[in-house]
Amino acid sequence: MSRSLNKVMLIGNLGADPEVRSTNNGGRVANLSLATSRQWTGAGGERQEKTEWHRVICWNNKGAQLADLAEKYMKKGDKLYVEGRVEYRTWEDREKQTRYVTEIIAREVILLSPRGSGEAGAEFARPRAAAKVAPEGKPESLDAFPEALDEEDDDLPF
């Protein structure tokens, strides 16, 4: 039996507030629009940037209450770390057109935007829902992982 891996890791900013809804069977799901950007210097020395938009799906399941976490703590502009798998879906719309979508199904979400201290910070530690939180109840910061934002790996041979 051969093994395979479908794993996505993203660090980006929310382009809109999460859209949270309930399914017919009582489940909850949140749709996130996450932007990641890449910057480089072009051949002429000019600075260039490209932004990619990712559709991220956060479910409440198996003890991970990611949809609830999104609804309660995430808002437009927040910086997030998202880990999950990529999934491609097709369907036929009402006009009989085939539609395609690429989604990231989140398994873990870490809130990277700083939060105020006090009551909101204490509340944040309770609904962990697969979101990693530092021991003092505050989200981990990118300052602790500067290599995560290093764009110098662009010369990889693949």
N, C-alpha and C. Protein backbone atom coordinates (compact mmCIF):
# COMPACT_ATOMS: atom_id res chain seq x y z
N MET A 1 0.84 -1.18 0.00
CA MET A 1 0.00 0.00 0.00
C MET A 1 0.89 1.24 0.00
N SER A 2 0.68 2.12 -0.95
CA SER A 2 1.47 3.36 -0.99
C SER A 2 0.83 4.40 -0.09
N ARG A 3 1.65 5.27 0.42
CA ARG A 3 1.15 6.34 1.28
C ARG A 3 1.09 7.64 0.50
N SER A 4 0.25 8.52 0.95
CA SER A 4 0.16 9.83 0.32
C SER A 4 -0.09 10.88 1.40
N LEU A 5 0.02 12.14 1.02
CA LEU A 5 -0.15 13.22 1.97
C LEU A 5 -0.88 14.36 1.29
N ASN A 6 -1.89 14.87 1.93
CA ASN A 6 -2.63 16.04 1.47
C ASN A 6 -2.66 17.00 2.65
N LYS A 7 -1.71 17.93 2.69
CA LYS A 7 -1.59 18.84 3.81
C LYS A 7 -1.28 20.24 3.31
N VAL A 8 -2.01 21.21 3.84
CA VAL A 8 -1.84 22.60 3.48
C VAL A 8 -1.60 23.40 4.75
N MET A 9 -0.63 24.31 4.70
CA MET A 9 -0.37 25.23 5.81
C MET A 9 -0.34 26.63 5.23
N LEU A 10 -1.15 27.52 5.79
CA LEU A 10 -1.25 28.89 5.30
C LEU A 10 -1.14 29.86 6.46
N ILE A 11 -0.51 31.00 6.22
CA ILE A 11 -0.55 32.13 7.13
C ILE A 11 -1.02 33.30 6.29
N GLY A 12 -2.13 33.90 6.69
CA GLY A 12 -2.68 35.00 5.92
C GLY A 12 -3.66 35.81 6.72
N ASN A 13 -4.34 36.71 6.03
CA ASN A 13 -5.30 37.61 6.67
C ASN A 13 -6.70 37.36 6.13
N LEU A 14 -7.68 37.47 7.03
CA LEU A 14 -9.08 37.32 6.63
C LEU A 14 -9.50 38.51 5.79
N GLY A 15 -10.11 38.23 4.64
CA GLY A 15 -10.58 39.29 3.76
C GLY A 15 -11.99 39.75 4.10
N ALA A 16 -12.68 39.00 4.95
CA ALA A 16 -14.05 39.34 5.36
C ALA A 16 -14.31 38.63 6.69
N ASP A 17 -15.35 39.06 7.38
CA ASP A 17 -15.77 38.34 8.59
C ASP A 17 -16.20 36.93 8.19
N PRO A 18 -15.99 35.95 9.07
CA PRO A 18 -16.41 34.57 8.76
C PRO A 18 -17.92 34.50 8.52
N GLU A 19 -18.30 33.64 7.58
CA GLU A 19 -19.71 33.35 7.34
C GLU A 19 -20.02 32.03 8.02
N VAL A 20 -20.80 32.08 9.09
CA VAL A 20 -21.11 30.89 9.87
C VAL A 20 -22.58 30.53 9.65
N ARG A 21 -22.82 29.22 9.43
CA ARG A 21 -24.19 28.76 9.25
C ARG A 21 -24.36 27.38 9.86
N SER A 22 -25.60 27.00 10.03
CA SER A 22 -25.93 25.66 10.53
C SER A 22 -26.41 24.81 9.37
N THR A 23 -26.05 23.53 9.38
CA THR A 23 -26.49 22.61 8.34
C THR A 23 -27.84 22.01 8.73
N ASN A 24 -28.46 21.28 7.81
CA ASN A 24 -29.77 20.67 8.07
C ASN A 24 -29.72 19.66 9.22
N ASN A 25 -28.59 18.99 9.39
CA ASN A 25 -28.48 17.99 10.46
C ASN A 25 -27.96 18.58 11.77
N GLY A 26 -27.91 19.89 11.88
CA GLY A 26 -27.53 20.54 13.13
C GLY A 26 -26.05 20.85 13.27
N GLY A 27 -25.24 20.51 12.28
CA GLY A 27 -23.81 20.85 12.33
C GLY A 27 -23.59 22.33 12.06
N ARG A 28 -22.41 22.80 12.39
CA ARG A 28 -22.08 24.20 12.15
C ARG A 28 -20.82 24.27 11.31
N VAL A 29 -20.79 25.23 10.39
CA VAL A 29 -19.66 25.39 9.50
C VAL A 29 -19.40 26.88 9.29
N ALA A 30 -18.12 27.24 9.18
CA ALA A 30 -17.73 28.61 8.90
C ALA A 30 -16.92 28.64 7.61
N ASN A 31 -17.22 29.59 6.75
CA ASN A 31 -16.46 29.81 5.53
C ASN A 31 -15.58 31.05 5.74
N LEU A 32 -14.30 30.88 5.47
CA LEU A 32 -13.34 31.98 5.61
C LEU A 32 -12.74 32.30 4.25
N SER A 33 -12.45 33.56 4.03
CA SER A 33 -11.73 34.00 2.84
C SER A 33 -10.38 34.50 3.32
N LEU A 34 -9.32 33.72 3.05
CA LEU A 34 -7.98 34.00 3.57
C LEU A 34 -7.07 34.44 2.44
N ALA A 35 -6.40 35.57 2.62
CA ALA A 35 -5.46 36.10 1.63
C ALA A 35 -4.03 35.83 2.06
N THR A 36 -3.24 35.29 1.14
CA THR A 36 -1.81 35.15 1.36
C THR A 36 -1.12 35.97 0.27
N SER A 37 -0.01 36.60 0.61
CA SER A 37 0.71 37.44 -0.34
C SER A 37 2.16 37.02 -0.42
N ARG A 38 2.71 37.20 -1.61
CA ARG A 38 4.11 36.90 -1.86
C ARG A 38 4.72 38.13 -2.51
N GLN A 39 5.89 38.54 -2.03
CA GLN A 39 6.58 39.71 -2.59
C GLN A 39 7.94 39.30 -3.10
N TRP A 40 8.36 39.94 -4.18
CA TRP A 40 9.68 39.68 -4.74
C TRP A 40 10.12 40.91 -5.52
N THR A 41 11.40 40.92 -5.86
CA THR A 41 11.95 41.99 -6.66
C THR A 41 12.07 41.49 -8.09
N GLY A 42 11.47 42.24 -9.02
CA GLY A 42 11.48 41.86 -10.42
C GLY A 42 12.85 42.08 -11.05
N ALA A 43 12.99 41.65 -12.31
CA ALA A 43 14.26 41.75 -13.03
C ALA A 43 14.74 43.19 -13.13
N GLY A 44 13.82 44.14 -13.21
CA GLY A 44 14.19 45.55 -13.31
C GLY A 44 14.39 46.21 -11.96
N GLY A 45 14.35 45.45 -10.88
CA GLY A 45 14.55 46.00 -9.54
C GLY A 45 13.28 46.50 -8.88
N GLU A 46 12.14 46.42 -9.57
CA GLU A 46 10.88 46.90 -9.00
C GLU A 46 10.30 45.84 -8.06
N ARG A 47 9.69 46.32 -6.99
CA ARG A 47 9.07 45.44 -6.00
C ARG A 47 7.72 44.97 -6.55
N GLN A 48 7.46 43.67 -6.51
CA GLN A 48 6.19 43.12 -6.99
C GLN A 48 5.53 42.30 -5.89
N GLU A 49 4.22 42.17 -6.01
CA GLU A 49 3.46 41.40 -5.01
C GLU A 49 2.31 40.69 -5.71
N LYS A 50 2.04 39.48 -5.24
CA LYS A 50 0.90 38.71 -5.75
C LYS A 50 0.12 38.19 -4.55
N THR A 51 -1.18 38.38 -4.57
CA THR A 51 -2.06 37.91 -3.50
C THR A 51 -2.91 36.76 -4.02
N GLU A 52 -2.96 35.69 -3.25
CA GLU A 52 -3.81 34.53 -3.56
C GLU A 52 -4.93 34.49 -2.51
N TRP A 53 -6.14 34.15 -2.96
CA TRP A 53 -7.28 34.03 -2.06
C TRP A 53 -7.64 32.57 -1.90
N HIS A 54 -7.84 32.16 -0.65
CA HIS A 54 -8.13 30.76 -0.33
C HIS A 54 -9.48 30.69 0.38
N ARG A 55 -10.29 29.72 -0.04
CA ARG A 55 -11.57 29.46 0.63
C ARG A 55 -11.30 28.38 1.68
N VAL A 56 -11.48 28.74 2.96
CA VAL A 56 -11.20 27.84 4.07
C VAL A 56 -12.52 27.47 4.73
N ILE A 57 -12.71 26.16 4.96
CA ILE A 57 -13.93 25.65 5.58
C ILE A 57 -13.57 25.13 6.98
N CYS A 58 -14.28 25.64 7.98
CA CYS A 58 -14.07 25.24 9.39
C CYS A 58 -15.34 24.58 9.91
N TRP A 59 -15.24 23.31 10.27
CA TRP A 59 -16.38 22.55 10.78
C TRP A 59 -16.29 22.41 12.29
N ASN A 60 -17.45 22.25 12.93
CA ASN A 60 -17.53 21.78 14.32
C ASN A 60 -17.66 20.27 14.23
N ASN A 61 -16.59 19.53 14.56
CA ASN A 61 -16.70 18.07 14.55
C ASN A 61 -15.59 17.45 15.39
N LYS A 62 -15.84 16.23 15.84
CA LYS A 62 -14.87 15.45 16.60
C LYS A 62 -14.21 16.26 17.72
N GLY A 63 -15.00 17.03 18.41
CA GLY A 63 -14.46 17.81 19.53
C GLY A 63 -13.82 19.11 19.12
N ALA A 64 -13.54 19.32 17.84
CA ALA A 64 -12.95 20.57 17.38
C ALA A 64 -14.07 21.52 16.96
N GLN A 65 -14.25 22.56 17.71
CA GLN A 65 -15.34 23.51 17.46
C GLN A 65 -14.82 24.72 16.67
N LEU A 66 -14.27 24.45 15.48
CA LEU A 66 -13.64 25.50 14.69
C LEU A 66 -14.64 26.54 14.19
N ALA A 67 -15.86 26.13 13.84
CA ALA A 67 -16.86 27.10 13.38
C ALA A 67 -17.23 28.06 14.51
N ASP A 68 -17.38 27.52 15.71
CA ASP A 68 -17.68 28.38 16.87
C ASP A 68 -16.53 29.33 17.16
N LEU A 69 -15.31 28.83 17.05
CA LEU A 69 -14.12 29.65 17.26
C LEU A 69 -14.10 30.80 16.25
N ALA A 70 -14.40 30.49 14.99
CA ALA A 70 -14.42 31.52 13.94
C ALA A 70 -15.47 32.58 14.24
N GLU A 71 -16.66 32.12 14.62
CA GLU A 71 -17.76 33.05 14.88
C GLU A 71 -17.45 33.98 16.06
N LYS A 72 -16.83 33.43 17.09
CA LYS A 72 -16.63 34.20 18.32
C LYS A 72 -15.38 35.09 18.28
N TYR A 73 -14.31 34.66 17.62
CA TYR A 73 -13.04 35.36 17.76
C TYR A 73 -12.44 35.93 16.48
N MET A 74 -12.95 35.56 15.32
CA MET A 74 -12.30 36.02 14.08
C MET A 74 -13.09 37.15 13.43
N LYS A 75 -12.33 38.10 12.84
CA LYS A 75 -12.96 39.19 12.11
C LYS A 75 -12.05 39.61 10.96
N LYS A 76 -12.61 40.34 10.04
CA LYS A 76 -11.89 40.81 8.86
C LYS A 76 -10.56 41.45 9.27
N GLY A 77 -9.50 41.07 8.56
CA GLY A 77 -8.18 41.63 8.82
C GLY A 77 -7.32 40.80 9.76
N ASP A 78 -7.93 39.89 10.53
CA ASP A 78 -7.16 39.07 11.47
C ASP A 78 -6.15 38.19 10.73
N LYS A 79 -4.99 38.01 11.36
CA LYS A 79 -3.96 37.12 10.82
C LYS A 79 -4.17 35.73 11.43
N LEU A 80 -4.17 34.70 10.56
CA LEU A 80 -4.42 33.33 10.99
C LEU A 80 -3.37 32.39 10.43
N TYR A 81 -3.12 31.33 11.18
CA TYR A 81 -2.41 30.15 10.68
C TYR A 81 -3.49 29.08 10.50
N VAL A 82 -3.55 28.49 9.31
CA VAL A 82 -4.53 27.44 9.03
C VAL A 82 -3.79 26.22 8.53
N GLU A 83 -4.13 25.08 9.10
CA GLU A 83 -3.58 23.80 8.64
C GLU A 83 -4.76 22.90 8.31
N GLY A 84 -4.65 22.21 7.18
CA GLY A 84 -5.73 21.32 6.78
C GLY A 84 -5.37 20.58 5.51
N ARG A 85 -6.41 20.25 4.73
CA ARG A 85 -6.21 19.52 3.48
C ARG A 85 -6.91 20.26 2.35
N VAL A 86 -6.43 20.07 1.15
CA VAL A 86 -7.07 20.69 -0.01
C VAL A 86 -8.11 19.72 -0.58
N GLU A 87 -9.23 20.27 -0.99
CA GLU A 87 -10.31 19.45 -1.55
C GLU A 87 -10.87 20.18 -2.77
N TYR A 88 -11.10 19.42 -3.85
CA TYR A 88 -11.66 19.96 -5.08
C TYR A 88 -13.06 19.40 -5.25
N ARG A 89 -14.02 20.27 -5.55
CA ARG A 89 -15.40 19.81 -5.74
C ARG A 89 -15.95 20.37 -7.05
N THR A 90 -16.85 19.61 -7.64
CA THR A 90 -17.59 20.08 -8.82
C THR A 90 -19.07 19.85 -8.58
N TRP A 91 -19.89 20.69 -9.18
CA TRP A 91 -21.33 20.52 -9.12
C TRP A 91 -21.95 21.22 -10.31
N GLU A 92 -23.21 20.95 -10.53
CA GLU A 92 -23.94 21.57 -11.62
C GLU A 92 -24.92 22.58 -11.04
N ASP A 93 -24.87 23.83 -11.53
CA ASP A 93 -25.76 24.85 -11.00
C ASP A 93 -27.14 24.78 -11.68
N ARG A 94 -28.01 25.71 -11.35
CA ARG A 94 -29.39 25.69 -11.87
C ARG A 94 -29.44 25.85 -13.40
N GLU A 95 -28.44 26.52 -13.94
CA GLU A 95 -28.38 26.72 -15.39
C GLU A 95 -27.64 25.58 -16.09
N LYS A 96 -27.42 24.48 -15.38
CA LYS A 96 -26.74 23.28 -15.91
C LYS A 96 -25.28 23.54 -16.28
N GLN A 97 -24.66 24.56 -15.66
CA GLN A 97 -23.25 24.84 -15.85
C GLN A 97 -22.45 24.09 -14.79
N THR A 98 -21.35 23.47 -15.19
CA THR A 98 -20.49 22.79 -14.23
C THR A 98 -19.65 23.83 -13.50
N ARG A 99 -19.67 23.78 -12.20
CA ARG A 99 -18.93 24.71 -11.35
C ARG A 99 -17.83 23.95 -10.62
N TYR A 100 -16.72 24.63 -10.40
CA TYR A 100 -15.57 24.05 -9.72
C TYR A 100 -15.18 24.92 -8.54
N VAL A 101 -14.75 24.29 -7.46
CA VAL A 101 -14.28 25.05 -6.31
C VAL A 101 -13.12 24.29 -5.66
N THR A 102 -12.14 25.04 -5.20
CA THR A 102 -11.02 24.49 -4.44
C THR A 102 -11.15 25.04 -3.03
N GLU A 103 -11.14 24.14 -2.04
CA GLU A 103 -11.32 24.54 -0.65
C GLU A 103 -10.21 23.94 0.22
N ILE A 104 -9.92 24.64 1.29
CA ILE A 104 -9.04 24.13 2.33
C ILE A 104 -9.94 23.73 3.49
N ILE A 105 -9.94 22.43 3.82
CA ILE A 105 -10.73 21.95 4.95
C ILE A 105 -9.82 22.03 6.18
N ALA A 106 -10.12 22.97 7.07
CA ALA A 106 -9.25 23.24 8.22
C ALA A 106 -9.31 22.10 9.23
N ARG A 107 -8.14 21.75 9.73
CA ARG A 107 -8.01 20.79 10.83
C ARG A 107 -7.56 21.51 12.09
N GLU A 108 -6.83 22.60 11.89
CA GLU A 108 -6.29 23.38 13.01
C GLU A 108 -6.21 24.84 12.59
N VAL A 109 -6.57 25.73 13.52
CA VAL A 109 -6.49 27.17 13.27
C VAL A 109 -5.83 27.81 14.48
N ILE A 110 -4.86 28.68 14.21
CA ILE A 110 -4.22 29.44 15.28
C ILE A 110 -4.43 30.91 14.99
N LEU A 111 -5.00 31.63 15.95
CA LEU A 111 -5.21 33.07 15.81
C LEU A 111 -3.89 33.78 16.10
N LEU A 112 -3.38 34.51 15.13
CA LEU A 112 -2.09 35.18 15.28
C LEU A 112 -2.21 36.66 15.57
N SER A 113 -3.38 37.25 15.36
CA SER A 113 -3.57 38.67 15.65
C SER A 113 -3.55 38.89 17.15
N PRO A 114 -2.90 39.97 17.59
CA PRO A 114 -2.86 40.23 19.04
C PRO A 114 -4.25 40.56 19.56
N ARG A 115 -4.53 40.12 20.75
CA ARG A 115 -5.80 40.40 21.42
C ARG A 115 -5.51 41.20 22.68
N GLY A 116 -6.49 41.98 23.08
CA GLY A 116 -6.35 42.75 24.30
C GLY A 116 -6.32 41.84 25.52
N SER A 117 -5.72 42.29 26.58
CA SER A 117 -5.68 41.49 27.80
C SER A 117 -6.98 41.69 28.57
N GLY A 118 -7.10 40.99 29.65
CA GLY A 118 -8.29 41.13 30.48
C GLY A 118 -9.31 40.06 30.19
N GLU A 119 -10.59 40.44 30.29
CA GLU A 119 -11.66 39.47 30.17
C GLU A 119 -11.68 38.76 28.82
N ALA A 120 -11.49 39.50 27.74
CA ALA A 120 -11.50 38.87 26.41
C ALA A 120 -10.37 37.86 26.29
N GLY A 121 -9.20 38.19 26.82
CA GLY A 121 -8.08 37.27 26.76
C GLY A 121 -8.35 36.01 27.56
N ALA A 122 -9.01 36.13 28.70
CA ALA A 122 -9.32 34.97 29.52
C ALA A 122 -10.37 34.09 28.83
N GLU A 123 -11.35 34.72 28.19
CA GLU A 123 -12.36 33.97 27.47
C GLU A 123 -11.76 33.19 26.32
N PHE A 124 -10.76 33.75 25.68
CA PHE A 124 -10.15 33.13 24.51
C PHE A 124 -9.59 31.76 24.81
N ALA A 125 -9.09 31.55 26.03
CA ALA A 125 -8.44 30.29 26.38
C ALA A 125 -9.44 29.15 26.52
N ARG A 126 -10.70 29.43 26.78
CA ARG A 126 -11.66 28.36 27.01
C ARG A 126 -11.97 27.51 25.78
N PRO A 127 -12.44 28.07 24.66
CA PRO A 127 -12.83 27.22 23.54
C PRO A 127 -11.64 26.88 22.65
N ARG A 128 -10.77 26.01 23.11
CA ARG A 128 -9.53 25.73 22.40
C ARG A 128 -9.77 25.13 21.03
N ALA A 129 -10.70 24.22 20.87
CA ALA A 129 -11.15 23.70 19.58
C ALA A 129 -10.06 23.52 18.55
N ALA A 130 -9.01 22.85 18.91
CA ALA A 130 -7.88 22.56 18.03
C ALA A 130 -7.10 23.81 17.66
N ALA A 131 -7.45 24.92 18.25
CA ALA A 131 -6.65 26.13 18.03
C ALA A 131 -5.59 26.16 19.12
N LYS A 132 -4.34 26.30 18.72
CA LYS A 132 -3.27 26.31 19.71
C LYS A 132 -3.22 27.66 20.40
N VAL A 133 -3.15 27.62 21.71
CA VAL A 133 -3.10 28.83 22.50
C VAL A 133 -1.91 28.70 23.43
N ALA A 134 -1.17 29.77 23.56
CA ALA A 134 -0.02 29.77 24.47
C ALA A 134 -0.51 29.57 25.90
N PRO A 135 0.35 29.06 26.80
CA PRO A 135 -0.09 28.75 28.17
C PRO A 135 -0.74 29.91 28.89
N GLU A 136 -0.33 31.14 28.62
CA GLU A 136 -0.91 32.27 29.34
C GLU A 136 -2.26 32.70 28.76
N GLY A 137 -2.79 31.93 27.79
CA GLY A 137 -4.11 32.20 27.26
C GLY A 137 -4.14 33.17 26.10
N LYS A 138 -2.99 33.53 25.57
CA LYS A 138 -2.93 34.44 24.43
C LYS A 138 -2.49 33.66 23.21
N PRO A 139 -2.93 34.07 22.02
CA PRO A 139 -2.51 33.35 20.81
C PRO A 139 -1.02 33.47 20.59
N GLU A 140 -0.46 32.43 19.95
CA GLU A 140 0.95 32.48 19.63
C GLU A 140 1.19 33.60 18.63
N SER A 141 2.36 34.22 18.68
CA SER A 141 2.68 35.33 17.81
C SER A 141 3.69 34.91 16.77
N LEU A 142 3.64 35.53 15.60
CA LEU A 142 4.63 35.25 14.57
C LEU A 142 6.01 35.71 14.99
N ASP A 143 6.09 36.62 15.97
CA ASP A 143 7.40 37.07 16.45
C ASP A 143 8.23 35.90 16.97
N ALA A 144 7.56 34.87 17.46
CA ALA A 144 8.27 33.70 17.97
C ALA A 144 8.77 32.80 16.85
N PHE A 145 8.25 32.99 15.63
CA PHE A 145 8.62 32.16 14.49
C PHE A 145 8.96 33.04 13.28
N PRO A 146 10.01 33.86 13.34
CA PRO A 146 10.30 34.76 12.22
C PRO A 146 10.59 34.02 10.93
N GLU A 147 11.09 32.80 11.01
CA GLU A 147 11.40 32.04 9.79
C GLU A 147 10.13 31.64 9.04
N ALA A 148 8.98 31.68 9.69
CA ALA A 148 7.73 31.32 9.02
C ALA A 148 7.36 32.31 7.93
N LEU A 149 7.87 33.53 8.02
CA LEU A 149 7.54 34.54 7.03
C LEU A 149 8.69 34.82 6.08
N ASP A 150 9.75 34.03 6.15
CA ASP A 150 10.92 34.23 5.32
C ASP A 150 10.60 33.87 3.87
N GLU A 151 10.74 34.81 2.97
CA GLU A 151 10.43 34.60 1.55
C GLU A 151 11.67 34.26 0.74
N GLU A 152 12.78 33.93 1.38
CA GLU A 152 14.02 33.67 0.67
C GLU A 152 14.09 32.27 0.10
N ASP A 153 13.06 31.45 0.26
CA ASP A 153 13.06 30.08 -0.24
C ASP A 153 12.53 29.99 -1.67
N ASP A 154 12.42 31.13 -2.37
CA ASP A 154 11.85 31.13 -3.70
C ASP A 154 12.73 30.44 -4.74
N ASP A 155 14.00 30.17 -4.42
CA ASP A 155 14.89 29.58 -5.41
C ASP A 155 14.93 28.05 -5.29
N LEU A 156 13.92 27.45 -4.66
CA LEU A 156 13.86 26.00 -4.58
C LEU A 156 13.70 25.40 -5.97
N PRO A 157 14.28 24.25 -6.25
CA PRO A 157 14.24 23.68 -7.59
C PRO A 157 12.93 23.02 -7.99
N PHE A 158 11.90 23.18 -7.23
CA PHE A 158 10.62 22.56 -7.59
C PHE A 158 9.48 23.52 -7.35
